[in-house]
Amino acid sequence: MSPSGRVEAEVVRRVAAGDREAFALVVRAYQGELLALAWRLLGDRHAAEDAVQDSLLAAFRTAREVTPAKGWRPWLLTITLNRCRDRLRARLRRPRGLDPEILALRAAGDPGPRDAAEEGERRDEVRRALGELPSRLREAVVLHVHHGLSFTQSASVLGVPVSTLKSRVAAALARLERRLRGVGHGL
């Protein structure tokens, strides 16, 4: 076992035994990524913070389920995704949108006021387009494109076959391209 594998195994063992300090290491390592995922899925910073807090509490309570082979990242992403799904179902409506960083082009250099306004409009349009996607497509594209998970990792987090994940990403990108055609996104 590699040194990092031994460290991971030791942290898993300590957290499973109820060691709060060891879990604090896990939280520091993954909290930012979990918050970004929740924010993109929920479209609301406060709801995202609540979802991540709930996720981390659930993770601490069920830490015995983590194995060094499984790793913290996919396990925590799965818990957070499920907490976000719960919140979206509770809303009984779609979120207003998601952060457009996933697909929006960034303006080159330091934009002037007009360029910044146009970039803001493009980002808002991408946000609306992402918000219009069915949740299964939005989740796939957020995990794979924004969070950079491989198809295999994204499929594991969503609990679907890799072929299904690939289809969902392709469908999401095709819908976004059709929706954003002519808006200046260069998709």
N, C-alpha and C. Protein backbone atom coordinates (compact mmCIF):
# COMPACT_ATOMS: atom_id res chain seq x y z
N MET A 1 0.85 -1.18 0.00
CA MET A 1 0.00 0.00 0.00
C MET A 1 0.89 1.24 0.00
N SER A 2 0.53 2.23 -0.81
CA SER A 2 1.31 3.46 -0.90
C SER A 2 1.15 4.28 0.38
N PRO A 3 2.09 5.23 0.61
CA PRO A 3 1.95 6.09 1.81
C PRO A 3 0.61 6.82 1.84
N SER A 4 0.16 7.34 0.69
CA SER A 4 -1.12 8.06 0.69
C SER A 4 -2.28 7.09 0.96
N GLY A 5 -2.14 5.85 0.48
CA GLY A 5 -3.15 4.83 0.77
C GLY A 5 -3.21 4.50 2.24
N ARG A 6 -2.05 4.45 2.89
CA ARG A 6 -2.01 4.19 4.33
C ARG A 6 -2.63 5.36 5.11
N VAL A 7 -2.35 6.58 4.67
CA VAL A 7 -2.93 7.76 5.32
C VAL A 7 -4.45 7.73 5.17
N GLU A 8 -4.92 7.46 3.95
CA GLU A 8 -6.37 7.38 3.70
C GLU A 8 -7.00 6.30 4.57
N ALA A 9 -6.37 5.13 4.64
CA ALA A 9 -6.89 4.03 5.45
C ALA A 9 -6.95 4.42 6.92
N GLU A 10 -5.94 5.14 7.40
CA GLU A 10 -5.91 5.57 8.79
C GLU A 10 -7.01 6.59 9.07
N VAL A 11 -7.22 7.52 8.15
CA VAL A 11 -8.28 8.52 8.33
C VAL A 11 -9.64 7.83 8.32
N VAL A 12 -9.84 6.89 7.40
CA VAL A 12 -11.10 6.14 7.36
C VAL A 12 -11.33 5.42 8.69
N ARG A 13 -10.30 4.76 9.20
CA ARG A 13 -10.41 4.03 10.46
C ARG A 13 -10.75 4.97 11.61
N ARG A 14 -10.06 6.11 11.66
CA ARG A 14 -10.29 7.07 12.75
C ARG A 14 -11.69 7.67 12.69
N VAL A 15 -12.14 8.03 11.50
CA VAL A 15 -13.47 8.62 11.36
C VAL A 15 -14.53 7.58 11.73
N ALA A 16 -14.35 6.34 11.25
CA ALA A 16 -15.31 5.28 11.58
C ALA A 16 -15.39 5.05 13.08
N ALA A 17 -14.31 5.34 13.79
CA ALA A 17 -14.28 5.19 15.25
C ALA A 17 -14.85 6.42 15.96
N GLY A 18 -15.30 7.42 15.18
CA GLY A 18 -15.91 8.60 15.79
C GLY A 18 -14.97 9.75 16.05
N ASP A 19 -13.78 9.73 15.47
CA ASP A 19 -12.78 10.78 15.68
C ASP A 19 -13.18 12.04 14.90
N ARG A 20 -13.62 13.06 15.63
CA ARG A 20 -14.08 14.30 14.99
C ARG A 20 -12.94 15.08 14.34
N GLU A 21 -11.75 15.01 14.92
CA GLU A 21 -10.60 15.71 14.33
C GLU A 21 -10.23 15.11 12.98
N ALA A 22 -10.30 13.81 12.88
CA ALA A 22 -10.02 13.16 11.59
C ALA A 22 -11.07 13.55 10.57
N PHE A 23 -12.33 13.63 11.01
CA PHE A 23 -13.38 14.02 10.08
C PHE A 23 -13.22 15.47 9.66
N ALA A 24 -12.70 16.31 10.54
CA ALA A 24 -12.44 17.71 10.18
C ALA A 24 -11.45 17.80 9.02
N LEU A 25 -10.50 16.88 8.97
CA LEU A 25 -9.56 16.82 7.83
C LEU A 25 -10.31 16.52 6.53
N VAL A 26 -11.25 15.60 6.60
CA VAL A 26 -12.05 15.24 5.44
C VAL A 26 -12.90 16.43 5.00
N VAL A 27 -13.51 17.10 5.97
CA VAL A 27 -14.35 18.26 5.66
C VAL A 27 -13.52 19.33 4.97
N ARG A 28 -12.35 19.65 5.51
CA ARG A 28 -11.50 20.68 4.90
C ARG A 28 -11.10 20.29 3.48
N ALA A 29 -10.89 19.03 3.25
CA ALA A 29 -10.45 18.58 1.93
C ALA A 29 -11.56 18.65 0.88
N TYR A 30 -12.81 18.45 1.26
CA TYR A 30 -13.88 18.29 0.27
C TYR A 30 -15.02 19.30 0.37
N GLN A 31 -15.08 20.10 1.40
CA GLN A 31 -16.22 20.99 1.59
C GLN A 31 -16.41 21.96 0.42
N GLY A 32 -15.34 22.52 -0.10
CA GLY A 32 -15.47 23.47 -1.22
C GLY A 32 -16.08 22.83 -2.45
N GLU A 33 -15.63 21.64 -2.76
CA GLU A 33 -16.16 20.95 -3.94
C GLU A 33 -17.62 20.56 -3.73
N LEU A 34 -17.96 20.14 -2.53
CA LEU A 34 -19.35 19.77 -2.24
C LEU A 34 -20.26 21.00 -2.33
N LEU A 35 -19.77 22.12 -1.84
CA LEU A 35 -20.55 23.36 -1.91
C LEU A 35 -20.75 23.78 -3.36
N ALA A 36 -19.71 23.67 -4.17
CA ALA A 36 -19.84 24.02 -5.59
C ALA A 36 -20.86 23.13 -6.28
N LEU A 37 -20.82 21.84 -6.00
CA LEU A 37 -21.79 20.91 -6.59
C LEU A 37 -23.21 21.29 -6.18
N ALA A 38 -23.42 21.48 -4.89
CA ALA A 38 -24.76 21.79 -4.40
C ALA A 38 -25.26 23.12 -4.95
N TRP A 39 -24.38 24.10 -5.03
CA TRP A 39 -24.79 25.40 -5.55
C TRP A 39 -25.21 25.30 -7.01
N ARG A 40 -24.47 24.55 -7.78
CA ARG A 40 -24.80 24.39 -9.19
C ARG A 40 -26.09 23.61 -9.39
N LEU A 41 -26.36 22.67 -8.53
CA LEU A 41 -27.59 21.89 -8.67
C LEU A 41 -28.81 22.61 -8.11
N LEU A 42 -28.62 23.39 -7.05
CA LEU A 42 -29.75 24.05 -6.40
C LEU A 42 -29.95 25.49 -6.86
N GLY A 43 -28.87 26.11 -7.33
CA GLY A 43 -28.99 27.48 -7.82
C GLY A 43 -29.16 28.52 -6.72
N ASP A 44 -28.92 28.14 -5.48
CA ASP A 44 -29.10 29.05 -4.35
C ASP A 44 -28.02 28.76 -3.32
N ARG A 45 -27.25 29.76 -3.00
CA ARG A 45 -26.10 29.57 -2.11
C ARG A 45 -26.52 29.09 -0.71
N HIS A 46 -27.56 29.68 -0.15
CA HIS A 46 -27.98 29.29 1.20
C HIS A 46 -28.50 27.86 1.22
N ALA A 47 -29.29 27.49 0.22
CA ALA A 47 -29.78 26.12 0.14
C ALA A 47 -28.61 25.15 -0.04
N ALA A 48 -27.62 25.57 -0.82
CA ALA A 48 -26.44 24.73 -1.03
C ALA A 48 -25.67 24.53 0.27
N GLU A 49 -25.49 25.60 1.02
CA GLU A 49 -24.79 25.48 2.31
C GLU A 49 -25.52 24.54 3.26
N ASP A 50 -26.85 24.66 3.29
CA ASP A 50 -27.65 23.77 4.13
C ASP A 50 -27.52 22.32 3.68
N ALA A 51 -27.56 22.10 2.37
CA ALA A 51 -27.45 20.74 1.83
C ALA A 51 -26.10 20.13 2.17
N VAL A 52 -25.04 20.92 2.05
CA VAL A 52 -23.70 20.42 2.37
C VAL A 52 -23.59 20.12 3.86
N GLN A 53 -24.12 20.99 4.69
CA GLN A 53 -24.08 20.74 6.13
C GLN A 53 -24.82 19.44 6.46
N ASP A 54 -26.00 19.25 5.87
CA ASP A 54 -26.74 18.01 6.07
C ASP A 54 -25.95 16.81 5.57
N SER A 55 -25.29 16.97 4.43
CA SER A 55 -24.51 15.89 3.84
C SER A 55 -23.35 15.48 4.74
N LEU A 56 -22.65 16.48 5.26
CA LEU A 56 -21.50 16.18 6.11
C LEU A 56 -21.93 15.54 7.43
N LEU A 57 -23.05 15.98 7.96
CA LEU A 57 -23.56 15.35 9.18
C LEU A 57 -23.92 13.89 8.90
N ALA A 58 -24.60 13.64 7.79
CA ALA A 58 -24.94 12.26 7.41
C ALA A 58 -23.68 11.44 7.16
N ALA A 59 -22.69 12.06 6.55
CA ALA A 59 -21.44 11.36 6.27
C ALA A 59 -20.75 10.95 7.57
N PHE A 60 -20.73 11.84 8.54
CA PHE A 60 -20.09 11.50 9.81
C PHE A 60 -20.83 10.36 10.50
N ARG A 61 -22.14 10.41 10.44
CA ARG A 61 -22.95 9.37 11.09
C ARG A 61 -22.80 8.00 10.43
N THR A 62 -22.51 7.99 9.14
CA THR A 62 -22.43 6.72 8.40
C THR A 62 -21.02 6.44 7.90
N ALA A 63 -20.04 7.02 8.54
CA ALA A 63 -18.65 6.90 8.08
C ALA A 63 -18.15 5.47 8.01
N ARG A 64 -18.77 4.55 8.71
CA ARG A 64 -18.35 3.15 8.65
C ARG A 64 -18.51 2.56 7.25
N GLU A 65 -19.34 3.20 6.41
CA GLU A 65 -19.57 2.70 5.05
C GLU A 65 -18.41 2.99 4.10
N VAL A 66 -17.52 3.91 4.48
CA VAL A 66 -16.40 4.27 3.62
C VAL A 66 -15.28 3.27 3.78
N THR A 67 -14.70 2.89 2.66
CA THR A 67 -13.52 2.04 2.68
C THR A 67 -12.43 2.78 1.95
N PRO A 68 -11.16 2.49 2.25
CA PRO A 68 -10.09 3.16 1.52
C PRO A 68 -10.21 2.95 0.00
N ALA A 69 -10.68 1.78 -0.41
CA ALA A 69 -10.83 1.52 -1.85
C ALA A 69 -11.92 2.39 -2.45
N LYS A 70 -12.98 2.63 -1.70
CA LYS A 70 -14.09 3.45 -2.18
C LYS A 70 -13.69 4.91 -2.22
N GLY A 71 -13.03 5.38 -1.19
CA GLY A 71 -12.57 6.76 -1.13
C GLY A 71 -13.66 7.73 -0.70
N TRP A 72 -13.20 8.86 -0.17
CA TRP A 72 -14.12 9.87 0.33
C TRP A 72 -14.85 10.61 -0.77
N ARG A 73 -14.15 11.02 -1.81
CA ARG A 73 -14.72 11.92 -2.81
C ARG A 73 -16.01 11.39 -3.44
N PRO A 74 -16.00 10.21 -4.07
CA PRO A 74 -17.25 9.76 -4.69
C PRO A 74 -18.37 9.53 -3.68
N TRP A 75 -18.00 9.08 -2.49
CA TRP A 75 -18.99 8.82 -1.46
C TRP A 75 -19.64 10.13 -1.00
N LEU A 76 -18.84 11.16 -0.75
CA LEU A 76 -19.38 12.45 -0.33
C LEU A 76 -20.17 13.12 -1.44
N LEU A 77 -19.70 13.01 -2.68
CA LEU A 77 -20.45 13.58 -3.80
C LEU A 77 -21.82 12.91 -3.93
N THR A 78 -21.88 11.60 -3.71
CA THR A 78 -23.15 10.88 -3.80
C THR A 78 -24.11 11.36 -2.71
N ILE A 79 -23.62 11.48 -1.49
CA ILE A 79 -24.48 11.95 -0.39
C ILE A 79 -24.99 13.36 -0.69
N THR A 80 -24.11 14.22 -1.14
CA THR A 80 -24.50 15.61 -1.44
C THR A 80 -25.50 15.66 -2.58
N LEU A 81 -25.26 14.88 -3.62
CA LEU A 81 -26.20 14.82 -4.74
C LEU A 81 -27.58 14.40 -4.25
N ASN A 82 -27.63 13.39 -3.40
CA ASN A 82 -28.92 12.93 -2.88
C ASN A 82 -29.60 13.98 -2.02
N ARG A 83 -28.84 14.72 -1.23
CA ARG A 83 -29.43 15.79 -0.42
C ARG A 83 -29.98 16.89 -1.33
N CYS A 84 -29.28 17.19 -2.40
CA CYS A 84 -29.77 18.20 -3.35
C CYS A 84 -31.05 17.72 -4.03
N ARG A 85 -31.08 16.47 -4.42
CA ARG A 85 -32.29 15.91 -5.03
C ARG A 85 -33.47 16.04 -4.07
N ASP A 86 -33.25 15.74 -2.81
CA ASP A 86 -34.31 15.86 -1.81
C ASP A 86 -34.83 17.29 -1.75
N ARG A 87 -33.93 18.24 -1.77
CA ARG A 87 -34.34 19.65 -1.69
C ARG A 87 -35.08 20.08 -2.95
N LEU A 88 -34.63 19.61 -4.10
CA LEU A 88 -35.32 19.96 -5.35
C LEU A 88 -36.73 19.37 -5.38
N ARG A 89 -36.87 18.14 -4.92
CA ARG A 89 -38.20 17.53 -4.87
C ARG A 89 -39.10 18.31 -3.92
N ALA A 90 -38.54 18.78 -2.82
CA ALA A 90 -39.33 19.52 -1.84
C ALA A 90 -39.81 20.87 -2.39
N ARG A 91 -39.09 21.42 -3.29
CA ARG A 91 -39.48 22.73 -3.86
C ARG A 91 -40.70 22.62 -4.78
N LEU A 92 -40.88 21.46 -5.37
CA LEU A 92 -41.96 21.23 -6.33
C LEU A 92 -41.90 22.17 -7.52
N ARG A 93 -40.72 22.66 -7.77
CA ARG A 93 -40.48 23.48 -8.96
C ARG A 93 -39.00 23.42 -9.25
N ARG A 94 -38.65 23.81 -10.42
CA ARG A 94 -37.24 23.82 -10.79
C ARG A 94 -36.54 25.02 -10.18
N PRO A 95 -35.23 24.87 -9.96
CA PRO A 95 -34.48 26.04 -9.50
C PRO A 95 -34.42 27.08 -10.60
N ARG A 96 -34.20 28.31 -10.20
CA ARG A 96 -34.12 29.39 -11.18
C ARG A 96 -32.95 29.24 -12.13
N GLY A 97 -31.96 28.49 -11.79
CA GLY A 97 -30.83 28.31 -12.69
C GLY A 97 -29.59 27.87 -11.95
N LEU A 98 -28.56 27.65 -12.70
CA LEU A 98 -27.31 27.19 -12.14
C LEU A 98 -26.20 28.12 -12.55
N ASP A 99 -25.09 28.00 -11.89
CA ASP A 99 -23.93 28.80 -12.24
C ASP A 99 -23.51 28.47 -13.66
N PRO A 100 -23.34 29.45 -14.52
CA PRO A 100 -23.05 29.21 -15.91
C PRO A 100 -21.59 28.92 -16.22
N GLU A 101 -20.73 28.84 -15.22
CA GLU A 101 -19.32 28.61 -15.46
C GLU A 101 -19.06 27.35 -16.29
N ILE A 102 -19.96 26.40 -16.21
CA ILE A 102 -19.73 25.13 -16.88
C ILE A 102 -19.45 25.33 -18.36
N LEU A 103 -20.27 26.12 -19.02
CA LEU A 103 -20.16 26.21 -20.47
C LEU A 103 -19.91 27.61 -21.02
N ALA A 104 -20.07 28.63 -20.21
CA ALA A 104 -19.91 30.00 -20.71
C ALA A 104 -18.45 30.30 -21.02
N LEU A 105 -18.23 31.03 -22.09
CA LEU A 105 -16.88 31.45 -22.42
C LEU A 105 -16.51 32.66 -21.58
N ARG A 106 -15.29 32.69 -21.14
CA ARG A 106 -14.84 33.84 -20.37
C ARG A 106 -14.29 34.88 -21.35
N ALA A 107 -14.57 36.12 -21.06
CA ALA A 107 -14.06 37.19 -21.91
C ALA A 107 -12.54 37.22 -21.78
N ALA A 108 -11.89 37.45 -22.88
CA ALA A 108 -10.42 37.49 -22.87
C ALA A 108 -9.96 38.81 -22.27
N GLY A 109 -8.97 38.74 -21.42
CA GLY A 109 -8.39 39.95 -20.83
C GLY A 109 -9.32 40.59 -19.83
N ASP A 110 -9.09 41.87 -19.60
CA ASP A 110 -9.89 42.63 -18.66
C ASP A 110 -11.02 43.31 -19.43
N PRO A 111 -12.25 42.83 -19.28
CA PRO A 111 -13.33 43.38 -20.08
C PRO A 111 -13.72 44.79 -19.64
N GLY A 112 -14.13 45.58 -20.61
CA GLY A 112 -14.66 46.89 -20.30
C GLY A 112 -16.09 46.75 -19.81
N PRO A 113 -16.74 47.86 -19.46
CA PRO A 113 -18.10 47.79 -18.93
C PRO A 113 -19.09 47.13 -19.91
N ARG A 114 -18.96 47.45 -21.20
CA ARG A 114 -19.88 46.86 -22.18
C ARG A 114 -19.64 45.37 -22.31
N ASP A 115 -18.36 44.97 -22.39
CA ASP A 115 -18.03 43.55 -22.49
C ASP A 115 -18.50 42.80 -21.25
N ALA A 116 -18.33 43.41 -20.09
CA ALA A 116 -18.75 42.77 -18.85
C ALA A 116 -20.26 42.58 -18.82
N ALA A 117 -21.00 43.58 -19.30
CA ALA A 117 -22.46 43.47 -19.35
C ALA A 117 -22.89 42.37 -20.30
N GLU A 118 -22.26 42.31 -21.47
CA GLU A 118 -22.59 41.25 -22.44
C GLU A 118 -22.25 39.88 -21.88
N GLU A 119 -21.10 39.78 -21.21
CA GLU A 119 -20.72 38.50 -20.60
C GLU A 119 -21.73 38.11 -19.53
N GLY A 120 -22.18 39.07 -18.75
CA GLY A 120 -23.20 38.80 -17.73
C GLY A 120 -24.49 38.30 -18.35
N GLU A 121 -24.89 38.90 -19.46
CA GLU A 121 -26.10 38.46 -20.17
C GLU A 121 -25.94 37.04 -20.68
N ARG A 122 -24.75 36.73 -21.25
CA ARG A 122 -24.50 35.37 -21.75
C ARG A 122 -24.55 34.37 -20.60
N ARG A 123 -23.94 34.74 -19.48
CA ARG A 123 -23.95 33.84 -18.32
C ARG A 123 -25.38 33.60 -17.82
N ASP A 124 -26.17 34.66 -17.78
CA ASP A 124 -27.57 34.51 -17.35
C ASP A 124 -28.32 33.58 -18.30
N GLU A 125 -28.07 33.71 -19.59
CA GLU A 125 -28.74 32.86 -20.57
C GLU A 125 -28.33 31.39 -20.40
N VAL A 126 -27.04 31.17 -20.16
CA VAL A 126 -26.58 29.79 -19.92
C VAL A 126 -27.19 29.27 -18.63
N ARG A 127 -27.25 30.11 -17.61
CA ARG A 127 -27.87 29.72 -16.34
C ARG A 127 -29.32 29.29 -16.55
N ARG A 128 -30.06 30.07 -17.32
CA ARG A 128 -31.46 29.72 -17.59
C ARG A 128 -31.55 28.42 -18.38
N ALA A 129 -30.67 28.26 -19.37
CA ALA A 129 -30.68 27.04 -20.19
C ALA A 129 -30.38 25.80 -19.35
N LEU A 130 -29.41 25.90 -18.46
CA LEU A 130 -29.10 24.77 -17.57
C LEU A 130 -30.27 24.48 -16.65
N GLY A 131 -30.91 25.52 -16.16
CA GLY A 131 -32.06 25.35 -15.27
C GLY A 131 -33.24 24.69 -15.95
N GLU A 132 -33.32 24.80 -17.27
CA GLU A 132 -34.42 24.20 -18.03
C GLU A 132 -34.19 22.71 -18.32
N LEU A 133 -32.95 22.25 -18.14
CA LEU A 133 -32.67 20.84 -18.39
C LEU A 133 -33.35 19.97 -17.34
N PRO A 134 -33.80 18.78 -17.73
CA PRO A 134 -34.29 17.84 -16.71
C PRO A 134 -33.15 17.54 -15.73
N SER A 135 -33.48 17.28 -14.48
CA SER A 135 -32.46 17.11 -13.46
C SER A 135 -31.47 16.01 -13.81
N ARG A 136 -31.92 14.92 -14.44
CA ARG A 136 -30.99 13.83 -14.75
C ARG A 136 -29.92 14.28 -15.73
N LEU A 137 -30.26 15.18 -16.66
CA LEU A 137 -29.27 15.69 -17.62
C LEU A 137 -28.39 16.74 -16.96
N ARG A 138 -29.00 17.61 -16.15
CA ARG A 138 -28.24 18.66 -15.47
C ARG A 138 -27.21 18.04 -14.52
N GLU A 139 -27.62 17.03 -13.76
CA GLU A 139 -26.69 16.37 -12.83
C GLU A 139 -25.52 15.75 -13.58
N ALA A 140 -25.82 15.09 -14.69
CA ALA A 140 -24.75 14.44 -15.46
C ALA A 140 -23.75 15.45 -15.98
N VAL A 141 -24.22 16.55 -16.53
CA VAL A 141 -23.32 17.54 -17.11
C VAL A 141 -22.55 18.29 -16.01
N VAL A 142 -23.18 18.56 -14.88
CA VAL A 142 -22.48 19.24 -13.79
C VAL A 142 -21.36 18.37 -13.24
N LEU A 143 -21.65 17.10 -13.00
CA LEU A 143 -20.62 16.20 -12.46
C LEU A 143 -19.49 15.98 -13.46
N HIS A 144 -19.83 15.70 -14.71
CA HIS A 144 -18.80 15.35 -15.69
C HIS A 144 -18.05 16.58 -16.21
N VAL A 145 -18.77 17.61 -16.59
CA VAL A 145 -18.13 18.76 -17.22
C VAL A 145 -17.52 19.69 -16.17
N HIS A 146 -18.31 20.10 -15.19
CA HIS A 146 -17.78 21.07 -14.24
C HIS A 146 -16.84 20.44 -13.21
N HIS A 147 -17.27 19.35 -12.60
CA HIS A 147 -16.46 18.75 -11.55
C HIS A 147 -15.36 17.86 -12.10
N GLY A 148 -15.37 17.62 -13.40
CA GLY A 148 -14.28 16.90 -14.03
C GLY A 148 -14.21 15.43 -13.67
N LEU A 149 -15.30 14.87 -13.20
CA LEU A 149 -15.30 13.44 -12.93
C LEU A 149 -15.31 12.69 -14.26
N SER A 150 -14.66 11.57 -14.30
CA SER A 150 -14.68 10.75 -15.51
C SER A 150 -16.10 10.22 -15.72
N PHE A 151 -16.34 9.65 -16.89
CA PHE A 151 -17.65 9.05 -17.13
C PHE A 151 -17.92 7.96 -16.09
N THR A 152 -16.91 7.16 -15.79
CA THR A 152 -17.07 6.07 -14.83
C THR A 152 -17.39 6.61 -13.44
N GLN A 153 -16.66 7.64 -13.01
CA GLN A 153 -16.91 8.23 -11.68
C GLN A 153 -18.29 8.88 -11.63
N SER A 154 -18.63 9.63 -12.66
CA SER A 154 -19.94 10.30 -12.70
C SER A 154 -21.07 9.26 -12.67
N ALA A 155 -20.91 8.20 -13.44
CA ALA A 155 -21.92 7.14 -13.47
C ALA A 155 -22.06 6.50 -12.10
N SER A 156 -20.95 6.30 -11.43
CA SER A 156 -20.99 5.70 -10.08
C SER A 156 -21.73 6.60 -9.11
N VAL A 157 -21.45 7.90 -9.13
CA VAL A 157 -22.12 8.84 -8.23
C VAL A 157 -23.62 8.86 -8.49
N LEU A 158 -24.01 8.81 -9.76
CA LEU A 158 -25.44 8.86 -10.11
C LEU A 158 -26.11 7.49 -10.04
N GLY A 159 -25.31 6.43 -9.93
CA GLY A 159 -25.88 5.09 -9.84
C GLY A 159 -26.47 4.60 -11.15
N VAL A 160 -25.82 4.97 -12.26
CA VAL A 160 -26.30 4.54 -13.58
C VAL A 160 -25.14 3.91 -14.34
N PRO A 161 -25.43 3.12 -15.38
CA PRO A 161 -24.35 2.58 -16.21
C PRO A 161 -23.60 3.70 -16.93
N VAL A 162 -22.35 3.44 -17.27
CA VAL A 162 -21.53 4.43 -17.97
C VAL A 162 -22.19 4.84 -19.28
N SER A 163 -22.75 3.88 -20.00
CA SER A 163 -23.40 4.20 -21.28
C SER A 163 -24.55 5.18 -21.08
N THR A 164 -25.29 5.04 -19.99
CA THR A 164 -26.39 5.96 -19.69
C THR A 164 -25.85 7.35 -19.39
N LEU A 165 -24.77 7.40 -18.62
CA LEU A 165 -24.17 8.69 -18.29
C LEU A 165 -23.69 9.39 -19.55
N LYS A 166 -23.02 8.66 -20.44
CA LYS A 166 -22.55 9.26 -21.69
C LYS A 166 -23.71 9.79 -22.51
N SER A 167 -24.80 9.04 -22.56
CA SER A 167 -25.98 9.49 -23.30
C SER A 167 -26.56 10.77 -22.69
N ARG A 168 -26.59 10.81 -21.38
CA ARG A 168 -27.15 11.99 -20.71
C ARG A 168 -26.29 13.23 -20.94
N VAL A 169 -24.97 13.08 -20.87
CA VAL A 169 -24.08 14.21 -21.12
C VAL A 169 -24.25 14.69 -22.55
N ALA A 170 -24.27 13.76 -23.50
CA ALA A 170 -24.43 14.13 -24.91
C ALA A 170 -25.77 14.82 -25.13
N ALA A 171 -26.83 14.30 -24.53
CA ALA A 171 -28.15 14.91 -24.69
C ALA A 171 -28.19 16.31 -24.07
N ALA A 172 -27.58 16.45 -22.91
CA ALA A 172 -27.55 17.76 -22.25
C ALA A 172 -26.81 18.78 -23.09
N LEU A 173 -25.64 18.39 -23.59
CA LEU A 173 -24.86 19.32 -24.41
C LEU A 173 -25.58 19.67 -25.70
N ALA A 174 -26.25 18.69 -26.32
CA ALA A 174 -27.00 18.96 -27.55
C ALA A 174 -28.15 19.94 -27.28
N ARG A 175 -28.88 19.73 -26.19
CA ARG A 175 -29.97 20.65 -25.85
C ARG A 175 -29.46 22.05 -25.56
N LEU A 176 -28.36 22.11 -24.83
CA LEU A 176 -27.80 23.42 -24.53
C LEU A 176 -27.33 24.12 -25.80
N GLU A 177 -26.72 23.37 -26.69
CA GLU A 177 -26.25 23.96 -27.94
C GLU A 177 -27.43 24.50 -28.75
N ARG A 178 -28.50 23.72 -28.86
CA ARG A 178 -29.68 24.19 -29.60
C ARG A 178 -30.28 25.42 -28.94
N ARG A 179 -30.40 25.39 -27.64
CA ARG A 179 -31.01 26.49 -26.90
C ARG A 179 -30.19 27.76 -26.97
N LEU A 180 -28.88 27.60 -26.97
CA LEU A 180 -27.99 28.76 -26.92
C LEU A 180 -27.47 29.20 -28.28
N ARG A 181 -27.84 28.51 -29.32
CA ARG A 181 -27.41 28.88 -30.68
C ARG A 181 -27.77 30.33 -30.94
N GLY A 182 -26.80 31.09 -31.35
CA GLY A 182 -27.03 32.48 -31.68
C GLY A 182 -26.93 33.41 -30.48
N VAL A 183 -26.64 32.89 -29.30
CA VAL A 183 -26.54 33.75 -28.12
C VAL A 183 -25.09 34.20 -27.93
N GLY A 184 -24.17 33.64 -28.69
CA GLY A 184 -22.78 34.05 -28.59
C GLY A 184 -21.97 33.24 -27.61
N HIS A 185 -22.33 31.98 -27.43
CA HIS A 185 -21.60 31.14 -26.47
C HIS A 185 -20.52 30.31 -27.10
N GLY A 186 -20.58 30.11 -28.39
CA GLY A 186 -19.55 29.32 -29.04
C GLY A 186 -19.53 27.87 -28.59
N LEU A 187 -20.69 27.32 -28.28
CA LEU A 187 -20.74 25.92 -27.81
C LEU A 187 -20.44 24.96 -28.91
